[in-house]
Amino acid sequence: MSSFQPDAIIHLAALHFIPDCERDPSRTLRVNVEGTQNVLAAAAFCETKPNFVFASSAAVYESSSRYHHEDDHPAPSEIYGMTKHFGEQLVKASGLPYSIARLFNVYGPGETNPHLIPALLTQLRAGSHQIHLGNTTTYRSYVYVTDVVEALSRMALHPVPARLCNVPGPGESTASDIVHALARLLDRDISVTVDPFRLRNADRRHLRGDLSAVRRLLGWCPSISLEDGLRRLLAAEPVDASSEVNHVTAVMGAN
């Protein structure tokens, strides 16, 4: 870090698959909290005083059906959200110019964790028309990865002393909505079975973010609808071409 002397740092590294975080909270704390402090400590040695962009999460918010605003009091309910809230406090105390992006449910090519959409595609690639899911009625704000890249890029390239923004998708969708959209795009019948082993003990009904601050501070809003995002994802990682998927994922990982 000190030899490179960066103008900006975008800190994305974290453990973020909730079941894994819950199974190993100590490792989650080491990676998400101590790891963030390590990056901040390295940044402090830079004469450039780099602009620090931190990828936080909507998981810092309490469970609520209303739209979340950045000035809401954080009340995370799981270890992942707790570590992200802690990370935010470290960033704010660092003395560096910073932006904090509270990301909602990011999806797109190259995903390496079995979140909802990758898990769906994995089952479809296996030839299954009977999809096994957990809770299919919770609403989430899915934001396509290139929209997230645009928001983070604006944060990195236009430093300010302090900035905190939600980065949600254009609306809310359930797992059932995603299944129906995939069925349309693939022109096939897909049925869903609720698997009790995939259900979470506590799963918030809604998770949606207000866009006012990010529009005002970044001039940004999500531009890619869920159906368009799924179409782009299927083009990059076809469900009927696992070798192509592996190639795309490997290339993205290498980059």
Protein backbone atom coordinates (compact mmCIF):
# COMPACT_ATOMS: atom_id res chain seq x y z
CA MET A 1 0.00 0.00 0.00
CA SER A 2 2.71 2.49 0.97
CA SER A 3 4.72 1.76 -2.20
CA PHE A 4 1.69 2.13 -4.45
CA GLN A 5 0.36 5.29 -2.77
CA PRO A 6 -3.24 4.91 -4.01
CA ASP A 7 -5.61 7.82 -4.49
CA ALA A 8 -8.56 5.59 -3.61
CA ILE A 9 -9.17 2.23 -1.96
CA ILE A 10 -12.34 0.20 -2.51
CA HIS A 11 -12.57 -2.37 0.29
CA LEU A 12 -14.85 -5.22 -0.76
CA ALA A 13 -13.30 -8.23 0.97
CA ALA A 14 -15.62 -9.96 3.44
CA LEU A 15 -17.34 -13.17 4.42
CA HIS A 16 -20.95 -12.50 3.45
CA PHE A 17 -22.84 -15.78 3.01
CA ILE A 18 -25.05 -15.62 6.09
CA PRO A 19 -25.19 -19.37 6.94
CA ASP A 20 -21.38 -19.58 6.81
CA CYS A 21 -21.06 -16.45 8.95
CA GLU A 22 -23.42 -17.89 11.54
CA ARG A 23 -21.57 -21.22 11.61
CA ASP A 24 -18.19 -19.58 12.21
CA PRO A 25 -18.65 -16.20 13.91
CA SER A 26 -15.02 -16.03 15.05
CA ARG A 27 -13.73 -16.29 11.49
CA THR A 28 -16.36 -13.76 10.37
CA LEU A 29 -15.10 -11.30 12.98
CA ARG A 30 -11.46 -11.85 11.95
CA VAL A 31 -12.12 -11.31 8.26
CA ASN A 32 -14.77 -8.60 8.35
CA VAL A 33 -13.61 -6.55 11.35
CA GLU A 34 -9.90 -7.24 11.83
CA GLY A 35 -9.44 -7.40 8.06
CA THR A 36 -11.02 -3.98 7.65
CA GLN A 37 -8.82 -2.56 10.41
CA ASN A 38 -5.73 -4.02 8.70
CA VAL A 39 -6.61 -2.28 5.43
CA LEU A 40 -7.29 1.00 7.24
CA ALA A 41 -3.98 0.72 9.11
CA ALA A 42 -2.13 0.20 5.83
CA ALA A 43 -3.95 3.15 4.28
CA ALA A 44 -2.86 5.35 7.18
CA PHE A 45 0.78 4.96 6.06
CA CYS A 46 0.00 6.52 2.68
CA GLU A 47 1.07 10.11 2.24
CA THR A 48 -1.79 10.49 -0.24
CA LYS A 49 -4.47 9.98 2.47
CA PRO A 50 -6.50 7.86 0.04
CA ASN A 51 -10.24 8.11 -0.38
CA PHE A 52 -11.59 5.00 1.37
CA VAL A 53 -14.69 3.33 -0.08
CA PHE A 54 -16.16 0.66 2.19
CA ALA A 55 -18.68 -1.93 1.05
CA SER A 56 -21.08 -2.22 3.96
CA SER A 57 -24.50 -3.85 3.88
CA ALA A 58 -28.20 -3.29 4.36
CA ALA A 59 -27.87 -6.04 6.99
CA VAL A 60 -26.93 -3.29 9.47
CA TYR A 61 -30.59 -2.20 9.56
CA GLU A 62 -33.22 -3.55 11.90
CA SER A 63 -35.97 -5.77 10.59
CA SER A 64 -38.73 -3.49 9.29
CA SER A 65 -41.24 -3.30 6.46
CA ARG A 66 -40.52 0.38 5.77
CA TYR A 67 -37.85 1.88 3.54
CA HIS A 68 -34.54 2.21 5.37
CA HIS A 69 -32.83 5.61 5.54
CA GLU A 70 -29.15 6.11 6.22
CA ASP A 71 -29.89 7.97 9.46
CA ASP A 72 -31.86 5.02 10.89
CA HIS A 73 -30.28 3.64 14.05
CA PRO A 74 -28.43 0.42 13.08
CA ALA A 75 -29.76 -2.73 14.72
CA PRO A 76 -28.31 -5.77 12.94
CA SER A 77 -29.78 -9.13 13.90
CA GLU A 78 -27.02 -11.45 12.59
CA ILE A 79 -23.25 -11.65 12.99
CA TYR A 80 -22.65 -10.52 9.40
CA GLY A 81 -24.59 -7.28 9.89
CA MET A 82 -22.86 -6.74 13.23
CA THR A 83 -19.43 -7.00 11.63
CA LYS A 84 -20.41 -4.57 8.89
CA HIS A 85 -21.70 -2.08 11.46
CA PHE A 86 -18.43 -2.42 13.37
CA GLY A 87 -16.52 -1.91 10.12
CA GLU A 88 -18.43 1.30 9.45
CA GLN A 89 -17.38 2.64 12.85
CA LEU A 90 -13.74 1.82 12.14
CA VAL A 91 -13.92 3.64 8.80
CA LYS A 92 -15.52 6.70 10.38
CA ALA A 93 -12.83 6.82 13.07
CA SER A 94 -9.93 6.38 10.65
CA GLY A 95 -9.38 10.04 9.80
CA LEU A 96 -9.49 9.23 6.09
CA PRO A 97 -11.95 10.73 3.62
CA TYR A 98 -14.51 7.98 3.15
CA SER A 99 -17.66 6.75 1.48
CA ILE A 100 -19.73 3.89 2.88
CA ALA A 101 -22.00 1.97 0.51
CA ARG A 102 -24.74 -0.04 2.18
CA LEU A 103 -25.23 -2.64 -0.52
CA PHE A 104 -28.47 -4.55 -0.84
CA ASN A 105 -28.76 -7.94 -2.60
CA VAL A 106 -26.10 -7.85 -5.30
CA TYR A 107 -26.28 -10.39 -8.13
CA GLY A 108 -24.54 -10.99 -11.44
CA PRO A 109 -21.89 -13.15 -13.15
CA GLY A 110 -19.03 -14.61 -11.16
CA GLU A 111 -20.85 -15.13 -7.86
CA THR A 112 -18.92 -17.56 -5.64
CA ASN A 113 -21.46 -17.97 -2.82
CA PRO A 114 -24.68 -20.02 -3.02
CA HIS A 115 -27.05 -17.10 -2.57
CA LEU A 116 -30.58 -17.39 -3.92
CA ILE A 117 -30.01 -16.66 -7.62
CA PRO A 118 -26.80 -18.73 -7.98
CA ALA A 119 -28.50 -21.60 -6.12
CA LEU A 120 -31.44 -21.43 -8.53
CA LEU A 121 -29.18 -21.50 -11.57
CA THR A 122 -27.15 -24.39 -10.17
CA GLN A 123 -30.29 -26.49 -9.79
CA LEU A 124 -31.48 -25.55 -13.28
CA ARG A 125 -28.09 -26.48 -14.78
CA ALA A 126 -28.42 -29.89 -13.13
CA GLY A 127 -31.53 -30.38 -15.27
CA SER A 128 -34.04 -30.00 -12.48
CA HIS A 129 -37.46 -28.45 -13.12
CA GLN A 130 -38.35 -28.91 -9.45
CA ILE A 131 -36.44 -26.24 -7.53
CA HIS A 132 -35.81 -26.58 -3.78
CA LEU A 133 -35.77 -23.29 -1.89
CA GLY A 134 -36.17 -21.92 1.61
CA ASN A 135 -38.52 -19.01 2.29
CA THR A 136 -40.02 -17.88 -1.02
CA THR A 137 -42.12 -14.98 0.29
CA THR A 138 -39.52 -12.60 1.73
CA TYR A 139 -38.91 -9.43 -0.28
CA ARG A 140 -35.42 -8.25 -1.20
CA SER A 141 -34.01 -5.40 -3.27
CA TYR A 142 -31.84 -7.04 -5.94
CA VAL A 143 -29.24 -4.77 -7.51
CA TYR A 144 -27.26 -5.85 -10.58
CA VAL A 145 -23.48 -5.88 -10.22
CA THR A 146 -22.75 -3.28 -12.93
CA ASP A 147 -25.06 -0.81 -11.17
CA VAL A 148 -23.06 -1.42 -7.99
CA VAL A 149 -19.79 -0.89 -9.88
CA GLU A 150 -21.09 2.46 -11.12
CA ALA A 151 -22.00 3.59 -7.61
CA LEU A 152 -18.66 2.50 -6.12
CA SER A 153 -16.74 4.11 -8.99
CA ARG A 154 -18.47 7.44 -8.38
CA MET A 155 -17.58 7.19 -4.71
CA ALA A 156 -13.92 6.41 -5.50
CA LEU A 157 -13.46 9.08 -8.17
CA HIS A 158 -15.25 11.92 -6.38
CA PRO A 159 -13.93 12.03 -2.81
CA VAL A 160 -15.67 13.93 -0.03
CA PRO A 161 -14.83 14.05 3.69
CA ALA A 162 -17.68 11.68 4.62
CA ARG A 163 -20.52 10.04 2.72
CA LEU A 164 -22.98 7.24 3.55
CA CYS A 165 -25.38 5.86 0.93
CA ASN A 166 -27.78 3.01 0.40
CA VAL A 167 -27.15 1.14 -2.86
CA PRO A 168 -30.41 -0.79 -3.46
CA GLY A 169 -32.01 -2.19 -6.57
CA PRO A 170 -34.93 -0.66 -8.47
CA GLY A 171 -37.63 -2.46 -6.47
CA GLU A 172 -38.47 -5.45 -4.32
CA SER A 173 -38.85 -9.08 -5.39
CA THR A 174 -39.49 -12.43 -3.77
CA ALA A 175 -37.86 -15.75 -4.63
CA SER A 176 -41.12 -16.67 -6.37
CA ASP A 177 -40.83 -13.54 -8.54
CA ILE A 178 -37.32 -14.57 -9.58
CA VAL A 179 -38.43 -18.12 -10.40
CA HIS A 180 -41.26 -16.79 -12.58
CA ALA A 181 -38.89 -14.38 -14.36
CA LEU A 182 -36.41 -17.20 -15.05
CA ALA A 183 -39.21 -19.42 -16.32
CA ARG A 184 -40.20 -16.69 -18.82
CA LEU A 185 -36.63 -16.05 -19.94
CA LEU A 186 -35.85 -19.76 -20.33
CA ASP A 187 -39.28 -20.64 -21.71
CA ARG A 188 -39.68 -23.61 -19.41
CA ASP A 189 -41.92 -24.67 -16.54
CA ILE A 190 -40.28 -24.42 -13.13
CA SER A 191 -41.96 -25.54 -9.92
CA VAL A 192 -40.80 -24.84 -6.37
CA THR A 193 -40.63 -27.06 -3.32
CA VAL A 194 -39.99 -25.42 0.06
CA ASP A 195 -37.13 -27.27 1.72
CA PRO A 196 -37.35 -27.02 5.55
CA PHE A 197 -33.57 -27.47 5.79
CA ARG A 198 -33.12 -24.23 3.79
CA LEU A 199 -35.40 -22.15 6.02
CA ARG A 200 -33.80 -19.66 8.39
CA ASN A 201 -35.00 -19.40 11.97
CA ALA A 202 -35.28 -15.62 11.63
CA ASP A 203 -35.75 -14.11 8.20
CA ARG A 204 -36.90 -10.51 7.79
CA ARG A 205 -39.97 -10.02 5.63
CA HIS A 206 -38.69 -6.91 3.81
CA LEU A 207 -35.31 -5.29 3.15
CA ARG A 208 -35.58 -2.14 1.06
CA GLY A 209 -33.66 1.09 0.92
CA ASP A 210 -34.52 4.72 0.34
CA LEU A 211 -32.74 6.22 -2.70
CA SER A 212 -32.85 9.90 -1.71
CA ALA A 213 -29.30 10.18 -0.36
CA VAL A 214 -27.57 8.27 -3.14
CA ARG A 215 -29.38 10.32 -5.78
CA ARG A 216 -28.41 13.55 -4.06
CA LEU A 217 -24.82 12.66 -3.19
CA LEU A 218 -23.83 10.58 -6.22
CA GLY A 219 -26.41 11.35 -8.89
CA TRP A 220 -26.93 7.57 -9.04
CA CYS A 221 -29.95 5.31 -9.18
CA PRO A 222 -30.25 1.67 -10.30
CA SER A 223 -30.78 1.42 -14.04
CA ILE A 224 -31.15 -2.34 -14.59
CA SER A 225 -34.46 -4.04 -13.85
CA LEU A 226 -34.53 -7.50 -12.31
CA GLU A 227 -35.63 -9.15 -15.57
CA ASP A 228 -32.96 -7.34 -17.59
CA GLY A 229 -30.34 -8.27 -14.99
CA LEU A 230 -31.36 -11.93 -15.10
CA ARG A 231 -31.24 -11.81 -18.90
CA ARG A 232 -27.67 -10.47 -18.76
CA LEU A 233 -26.71 -13.08 -16.19
CA LEU A 234 -28.09 -15.92 -18.33
CA ALA A 235 -26.19 -14.58 -21.34
CA ALA A 236 -22.94 -14.61 -19.37
CA GLU A 237 -23.60 -17.90 -17.56
CA PRO A 238 -26.03 -20.04 -19.59
CA VAL A 239 -27.90 -22.70 -17.67
CA ASP A 240 -27.22 -25.24 -20.43
CA ALA A 241 -23.46 -24.67 -20.68
CA SER A 242 -21.67 -25.38 -17.42
CA SER A 243 -18.26 -25.28 -19.11
CA GLU A 244 -18.93 -21.74 -20.27
CA VAL A 245 -20.00 -20.79 -16.76
CA ASN A 246 -16.80 -22.17 -15.31
CA HIS A 247 -14.77 -20.27 -17.89
CA VAL A 248 -16.53 -16.96 -17.22
CA THR A 249 -16.19 -17.40 -13.47
CA ALA A 250 -12.51 -18.29 -13.76
CA VAL A 251 -11.77 -15.31 -15.96
CA MET A 252 -13.63 -12.93 -13.63
CA GLY A 253 -11.79 -14.39 -10.65
CA ALA A 254 -8.45 -13.93 -12.39
CA ASN A 255 -9.26 -10.30 -13.08
